[in-house]
Amino acid sequence: MFRILLLIAVILIGYDAIAHQGLYTRNAWASVVGLTGSAVDSARELGQGAREEPGTVRQ
């Protein structure tokens, strides 16, 4: 099943590269990178907030 999905992805990326000069692939990749960056920033802020929160008891 994974091989079939991988083959479909390769065909779609190749078609995009030929027909649209990779426009859709670049947009999709930029979205994935943006979501990843947003998740990392959110996790970093959450971690800093937990460290700075007064009154927490560590055991």
Protein backbone atom coordinates (compact mmCIF):
# COMPACT_ATOMS: atom_id res chain seq x y z
CA MET A 1 0.00 0.00 0.00
CA PHE A 2 2.82 2.38 0.93
CA ARG A 3 4.56 1.71 -2.39
CA ILE A 4 1.40 2.59 -4.30
CA LEU A 5 1.03 5.89 -2.40
CA LEU A 6 4.71 6.66 -2.97
CA LEU A 7 4.35 5.97 -6.69
CA ILE A 8 1.30 8.24 -6.90
CA ALA A 9 3.18 11.01 -5.06
CA VAL A 10 6.14 10.71 -7.43
CA ILE A 11 3.88 10.86 -10.47
CA LEU A 12 2.01 13.90 -9.13
CA ILE A 13 5.22 15.74 -8.26
CA GLY A 14 6.65 14.92 -11.69
CA TYR A 15 3.50 16.13 -13.43
CA ASP A 16 3.58 19.35 -11.41
CA ALA A 17 7.24 19.87 -12.31
CA ILE A 18 6.55 19.45 -16.01
CA ALA A 19 3.15 21.11 -16.37
CA HIS A 20 3.33 23.88 -13.76
CA GLN A 21 7.08 24.34 -13.13
CA GLY A 22 6.63 22.95 -9.61
CA LEU A 23 4.26 25.66 -8.40
CA TYR A 24 1.92 23.38 -6.46
CA THR A 25 4.77 21.36 -4.96
CA ARG A 26 6.51 24.52 -3.75
CA ASN A 27 3.27 25.83 -2.23
CA ALA A 28 2.57 22.53 -0.48
CA TRP A 29 6.14 22.33 0.85
CA ALA A 30 5.98 25.93 2.10
CA SER A 31 2.73 25.13 3.92
CA VAL A 32 4.24 22.06 5.59
CA VAL A 33 7.31 24.04 6.67
CA GLY A 34 5.12 26.84 7.99
CA LEU A 35 2.97 24.43 10.01
CA THR A 36 6.06 22.76 11.43
CA GLY A 37 7.56 26.12 12.39
CA SER A 38 4.31 27.16 14.02
CA ALA A 39 4.14 23.93 16.02
CA VAL A 40 7.74 24.36 17.19
CA ASP A 41 7.12 27.96 18.22
CA SER A 42 3.97 26.97 20.12
CA ALA A 43 5.79 24.18 21.93
CA ARG A 44 8.65 26.52 22.79
CA GLU A 45 6.24 29.11 24.21
CA LEU A 46 4.41 26.43 26.19
CA GLY A 47 7.70 25.19 27.64
CA GLN A 48 8.80 28.69 28.61
CA GLY A 49 5.42 29.38 30.20
CA ALA A 50 5.65 26.20 32.26
CA ARG A 51 9.13 27.14 33.50
CA GLU A 52 8.12 30.71 34.38
CA GLU A 53 4.83 29.84 36.07
CA PRO A 54 5.07 30.76 39.76
CA GLY A 55 3.94 28.43 42.49
CA THR A 56 4.74 25.16 40.78
CA VAL A 57 6.13 22.45 42.98
CA ARG A 58 8.75 20.11 41.62
CA GLN A 59 9.29 16.76 43.25
